[in-house]
Amino acid sequence: MTRADRTIVAPDGGFVGPVKRSITIAGHQTSISLEPLFWQALEQEAVRRALPLSALVAQIDALRIVERDPPNLASALRTWLLVQWCDKDASGSH
């Protein structure tokens, strides 16, 4: 590992805190706070899957609520996105 490999930098645009959005899931409005990078990643996944953003979030929510100890929705969304990213990275499709 070279010294350059150990140097980290801030993301483009810097570090930005959560942004709250309202989404309709299963017929009811809910507010979700996520950092802009996670909103962008969710939007990209929705486009890639040809789904409205609310439909993708609803599917992730449905998976979340059947867990033995369900996390909050924002945590579930972040976790799901990270797994998607890691799966793409492992398959080389990044």
N, C-alpha and C. Protein backbone atom coordinates (compact mmCIF):
# COMPACT_ATOMS: atom_id res chain seq x y z
N MET A 1 0.85 -1.17 0.00
CA MET A 1 0.00 0.00 0.00
C MET A 1 0.90 1.24 0.00
N THR A 2 0.66 2.11 -0.95
CA THR A 2 1.46 3.33 -1.02
C THR A 2 0.87 4.39 -0.11
N ARG A 3 1.62 5.43 0.09
CA ARG A 3 1.14 6.53 0.93
C ARG A 3 -0.13 7.14 0.33
N ALA A 4 -0.18 7.24 -1.00
CA ALA A 4 -1.35 7.81 -1.66
C ALA A 4 -2.60 6.98 -1.38
N ASP A 5 -2.44 5.66 -1.21
CA ASP A 5 -3.58 4.79 -0.92
C ASP A 5 -4.14 5.05 0.47
N ARG A 6 -3.33 5.62 1.34
CA ARG A 6 -3.76 5.88 2.71
C ARG A 6 -4.35 7.27 2.89
N THR A 7 -4.23 8.12 1.89
CA THR A 7 -4.74 9.48 1.98
C THR A 7 -6.22 9.48 1.62
N ILE A 8 -7.01 10.09 2.45
CA ILE A 8 -8.44 10.20 2.16
C ILE A 8 -8.77 11.66 1.87
N VAL A 9 -9.86 11.85 1.14
CA VAL A 9 -10.33 13.20 0.81
C VAL A 9 -11.83 13.27 1.07
N ALA A 10 -12.31 14.47 1.26
CA ALA A 10 -13.75 14.66 1.44
C ALA A 10 -14.46 14.39 0.12
N PRO A 11 -15.74 13.99 0.17
CA PRO A 11 -16.49 13.79 -1.07
C PRO A 11 -16.66 15.11 -1.83
N ASP A 12 -16.89 15.01 -3.13
CA ASP A 12 -17.18 16.20 -3.93
C ASP A 12 -18.35 16.93 -3.28
N GLY A 13 -18.22 18.22 -3.10
CA GLY A 13 -19.28 19.00 -2.46
C GLY A 13 -19.19 18.99 -0.95
N GLY A 14 -18.23 18.26 -0.39
CA GLY A 14 -18.06 18.22 1.06
C GLY A 14 -19.03 17.27 1.73
N PHE A 15 -18.99 17.29 3.03
CA PHE A 15 -19.90 16.47 3.82
C PHE A 15 -21.19 17.24 4.05
N VAL A 16 -22.30 16.62 3.73
CA VAL A 16 -23.59 17.29 3.83
C VAL A 16 -24.51 16.43 4.69
N GLY A 17 -25.20 17.07 5.62
CA GLY A 17 -26.10 16.36 6.52
C GLY A 17 -27.38 15.93 5.83
N PRO A 18 -28.22 15.22 6.56
CA PRO A 18 -29.45 14.66 6.01
C PRO A 18 -30.42 15.72 5.50
N VAL A 19 -31.15 15.32 4.47
CA VAL A 19 -32.22 16.13 3.88
C VAL A 19 -33.50 15.33 4.05
N LYS A 20 -34.53 15.98 4.57
CA LYS A 20 -35.80 15.29 4.82
C LYS A 20 -36.69 15.40 3.59
N ARG A 21 -37.28 14.28 3.20
CA ARG A 21 -38.25 14.23 2.10
C ARG A 21 -39.47 13.45 2.55
N SER A 22 -40.60 13.77 1.96
CA SER A 22 -41.82 13.01 2.21
C SER A 22 -42.08 12.08 1.04
N ILE A 23 -42.42 10.84 1.35
CA ILE A 23 -42.70 9.83 0.33
C ILE A 23 -43.96 9.09 0.76
N THR A 24 -44.77 8.71 -0.22
CA THR A 24 -45.96 7.92 0.08
C THR A 24 -45.60 6.44 -0.04
N ILE A 25 -45.84 5.71 1.05
CA ILE A 25 -45.58 4.27 1.10
C ILE A 25 -46.86 3.61 1.58
N ALA A 26 -47.33 2.65 0.82
CA ALA A 26 -48.54 1.90 1.19
C ALA A 26 -49.70 2.84 1.52
N GLY A 27 -49.81 3.90 0.75
CA GLY A 27 -50.93 4.82 0.90
C GLY A 27 -50.81 5.85 2.00
N HIS A 28 -49.67 5.89 2.70
CA HIS A 28 -49.51 6.94 3.72
C HIS A 28 -48.19 7.67 3.54
N GLN A 29 -48.20 8.94 3.91
CA GLN A 29 -47.01 9.78 3.81
C GLN A 29 -46.05 9.46 4.95
N THR A 30 -44.77 9.43 4.65
CA THR A 30 -43.76 9.28 5.68
C THR A 30 -42.59 10.18 5.32
N SER A 31 -41.92 10.70 6.31
CA SER A 31 -40.75 11.54 6.10
C SER A 31 -39.50 10.71 6.35
N ILE A 32 -38.54 10.88 5.46
CA ILE A 32 -37.28 10.15 5.56
C ILE A 32 -36.15 11.16 5.46
N SER A 33 -35.19 11.06 6.36
CA SER A 33 -34.02 11.93 6.33
C SER A 33 -32.81 11.11 5.89
N LEU A 34 -32.25 11.50 4.75
CA LEU A 34 -31.04 10.86 4.22
C LEU A 34 -30.10 11.93 3.68
N GLU A 35 -28.83 11.62 3.67
CA GLU A 35 -27.86 12.52 3.06
C GLU A 35 -28.10 12.55 1.56
N PRO A 36 -27.79 13.69 0.91
CA PRO A 36 -28.04 13.82 -0.54
C PRO A 36 -27.43 12.68 -1.37
N LEU A 37 -26.26 12.19 -1.00
CA LEU A 37 -25.66 11.09 -1.76
C LEU A 37 -26.53 9.84 -1.73
N PHE A 38 -27.19 9.59 -0.61
CA PHE A 38 -28.07 8.43 -0.53
C PHE A 38 -29.35 8.66 -1.34
N TRP A 39 -29.87 9.89 -1.33
CA TRP A 39 -31.04 10.19 -2.18
C TRP A 39 -30.68 9.98 -3.64
N GLN A 40 -29.50 10.45 -4.05
CA GLN A 40 -29.08 10.28 -5.44
C GLN A 40 -28.93 8.80 -5.79
N ALA A 41 -28.34 8.03 -4.90
CA ALA A 41 -28.17 6.60 -5.15
C ALA A 41 -29.52 5.89 -5.25
N LEU A 42 -30.46 6.25 -4.37
CA LEU A 42 -31.80 5.66 -4.45
C LEU A 42 -32.48 6.01 -5.77
N GLU A 43 -32.37 7.27 -6.18
CA GLU A 43 -32.97 7.69 -7.45
C GLU A 43 -32.36 6.91 -8.62
N GLN A 44 -31.04 6.72 -8.59
CA GLN A 44 -30.38 5.97 -9.66
C GLN A 44 -30.84 4.51 -9.68
N GLU A 45 -30.98 3.91 -8.50
CA GLU A 45 -31.46 2.52 -8.43
C GLU A 45 -32.90 2.43 -8.93
N ALA A 46 -33.72 3.41 -8.59
CA ALA A 46 -35.11 3.41 -9.06
C ALA A 46 -35.15 3.48 -10.58
N VAL A 47 -34.34 4.35 -11.17
CA VAL A 47 -34.28 4.46 -12.64
C VAL A 47 -33.78 3.16 -13.24
N ARG A 48 -32.73 2.60 -12.64
CA ARG A 48 -32.15 1.35 -13.17
C ARG A 48 -33.17 0.22 -13.14
N ARG A 49 -34.04 0.22 -12.16
CA ARG A 49 -35.05 -0.83 -12.02
C ARG A 49 -36.39 -0.44 -12.65
N ALA A 50 -36.43 0.74 -13.29
CA ALA A 50 -37.65 1.25 -13.94
C ALA A 50 -38.82 1.31 -12.97
N LEU A 51 -38.54 1.84 -11.77
CA LEU A 51 -39.55 1.99 -10.73
C LEU A 51 -39.63 3.45 -10.29
N PRO A 52 -40.80 3.89 -9.87
CA PRO A 52 -40.85 5.18 -9.18
C PRO A 52 -40.06 5.08 -7.87
N LEU A 53 -39.49 6.17 -7.44
CA LEU A 53 -38.73 6.16 -6.19
C LEU A 53 -39.57 5.63 -5.03
N SER A 54 -40.82 6.04 -4.96
CA SER A 54 -41.68 5.60 -3.85
C SER A 54 -41.90 4.08 -3.89
N ALA A 55 -41.95 3.49 -5.07
CA ALA A 55 -42.12 2.03 -5.17
C ALA A 55 -40.88 1.30 -4.68
N LEU A 56 -39.70 1.81 -5.03
CA LEU A 56 -38.47 1.19 -4.55
C LEU A 56 -38.38 1.28 -3.03
N VAL A 57 -38.67 2.45 -2.49
CA VAL A 57 -38.63 2.63 -1.04
C VAL A 57 -39.66 1.71 -0.38
N ALA A 58 -40.83 1.58 -0.96
CA ALA A 58 -41.86 0.69 -0.41
C ALA A 58 -41.40 -0.76 -0.39
N GLN A 59 -40.69 -1.19 -1.44
CA GLN A 59 -40.19 -2.57 -1.47
C GLN A 59 -39.14 -2.79 -0.38
N ILE A 60 -38.25 -1.83 -0.21
CA ILE A 60 -37.24 -1.95 0.84
C ILE A 60 -37.91 -1.93 2.21
N ASP A 61 -38.92 -1.08 2.37
CA ASP A 61 -39.66 -1.00 3.63
C ASP A 61 -40.33 -2.34 3.94
N ALA A 62 -40.90 -2.97 2.93
CA ALA A 62 -41.56 -4.27 3.12
C ALA A 62 -40.56 -5.33 3.57
N LEU A 63 -39.35 -5.29 3.05
CA LEU A 63 -38.30 -6.22 3.49
C LEU A 63 -37.88 -5.92 4.92
N ARG A 64 -37.82 -4.64 5.24
CA ARG A 64 -37.37 -4.19 6.56
C ARG A 64 -38.32 -4.64 7.66
N ILE A 65 -39.61 -4.47 7.44
CA ILE A 65 -40.56 -4.68 8.53
C ILE A 65 -40.75 -6.15 8.91
N VAL A 66 -40.28 -7.07 8.08
CA VAL A 66 -40.39 -8.49 8.44
C VAL A 66 -39.17 -8.99 9.23
N GLU A 67 -38.20 -8.12 9.42
CA GLU A 67 -37.03 -8.49 10.21
C GLU A 67 -37.44 -8.70 11.67
N ARG A 68 -36.69 -9.51 12.36
CA ARG A 68 -36.98 -9.78 13.77
C ARG A 68 -36.89 -8.51 14.60
N ASP A 69 -35.90 -7.68 14.33
CA ASP A 69 -35.71 -6.41 15.04
C ASP A 69 -35.52 -5.32 13.98
N PRO A 70 -36.62 -4.86 13.35
CA PRO A 70 -36.50 -3.95 12.21
C PRO A 70 -35.81 -2.63 12.56
N PRO A 71 -34.85 -2.21 11.73
CA PRO A 71 -34.23 -0.90 11.92
C PRO A 71 -35.19 0.18 11.44
N ASN A 72 -34.84 1.44 11.69
CA ASN A 72 -35.68 2.49 11.13
C ASN A 72 -35.50 2.49 9.61
N LEU A 73 -36.42 3.14 8.91
CA LEU A 73 -36.42 3.09 7.45
C LEU A 73 -35.17 3.70 6.86
N ALA A 74 -34.71 4.82 7.39
CA ALA A 74 -33.50 5.46 6.84
C ALA A 74 -32.30 4.52 6.94
N SER A 75 -32.16 3.84 8.07
CA SER A 75 -31.05 2.89 8.22
C SER A 75 -31.18 1.73 7.24
N ALA A 76 -32.40 1.25 7.05
CA ALA A 76 -32.62 0.15 6.10
C ALA A 76 -32.26 0.60 4.68
N LEU A 77 -32.62 1.81 4.32
CA LEU A 77 -32.31 2.31 2.98
C LEU A 77 -30.80 2.43 2.79
N ARG A 78 -30.12 2.99 3.77
CA ARG A 78 -28.66 3.12 3.66
C ARG A 78 -28.00 1.75 3.55
N THR A 79 -28.43 0.81 4.39
CA THR A 79 -27.86 -0.53 4.38
C THR A 79 -28.10 -1.21 3.03
N TRP A 80 -29.33 -1.12 2.54
CA TRP A 80 -29.66 -1.74 1.25
C TRP A 80 -28.81 -1.15 0.14
N LEU A 81 -28.65 0.17 0.15
CA LEU A 81 -27.83 0.82 -0.89
C LEU A 81 -26.37 0.38 -0.80
N LEU A 82 -25.85 0.28 0.40
CA LEU A 82 -24.45 -0.15 0.55
C LEU A 82 -24.26 -1.56 0.03
N VAL A 83 -25.19 -2.44 0.33
CA VAL A 83 -25.11 -3.81 -0.18
C VAL A 83 -25.16 -3.82 -1.71
N GLN A 84 -26.04 -3.00 -2.30
CA GLN A 84 -26.11 -2.91 -3.76
C GLN A 84 -24.77 -2.45 -4.33
N TRP A 85 -24.19 -1.45 -3.70
CA TRP A 85 -22.92 -0.90 -4.16
C TRP A 85 -21.82 -1.95 -4.04
N CYS A 86 -21.78 -2.64 -2.91
CA CYS A 86 -20.75 -3.68 -2.71
C CYS A 86 -20.92 -4.83 -3.70
N ASP A 87 -22.17 -5.22 -3.98
CA ASP A 87 -22.43 -6.28 -4.95
C ASP A 87 -21.96 -5.86 -6.35
N LYS A 88 -22.22 -4.61 -6.71
CA LYS A 88 -21.77 -4.11 -8.02
C LYS A 88 -20.26 -4.05 -8.07
N ASP A 89 -19.64 -3.62 -6.99
CA ASP A 89 -18.18 -3.52 -6.93
C ASP A 89 -17.56 -4.91 -7.07
N ALA A 90 -18.15 -5.90 -6.41
CA ALA A 90 -17.63 -7.28 -6.47
C ALA A 90 -17.79 -7.87 -7.87
N SER A 91 -18.86 -7.48 -8.56
CA SER A 91 -19.08 -8.01 -9.90
C SER A 91 -18.38 -7.19 -10.99
N GLY A 92 -17.78 -6.08 -10.57
CA GLY A 92 -17.06 -5.24 -11.54
C GLY A 92 -17.96 -4.37 -12.39
N SER A 93 -19.24 -4.22 -12.02
CA SER A 93 -20.13 -3.42 -12.84
C SER A 93 -20.25 -1.98 -12.35
N HIS A 94 -19.31 -1.54 -11.54
CA HIS A 94 -19.31 -0.16 -11.04
C HIS A 94 -18.75 0.77 -12.10
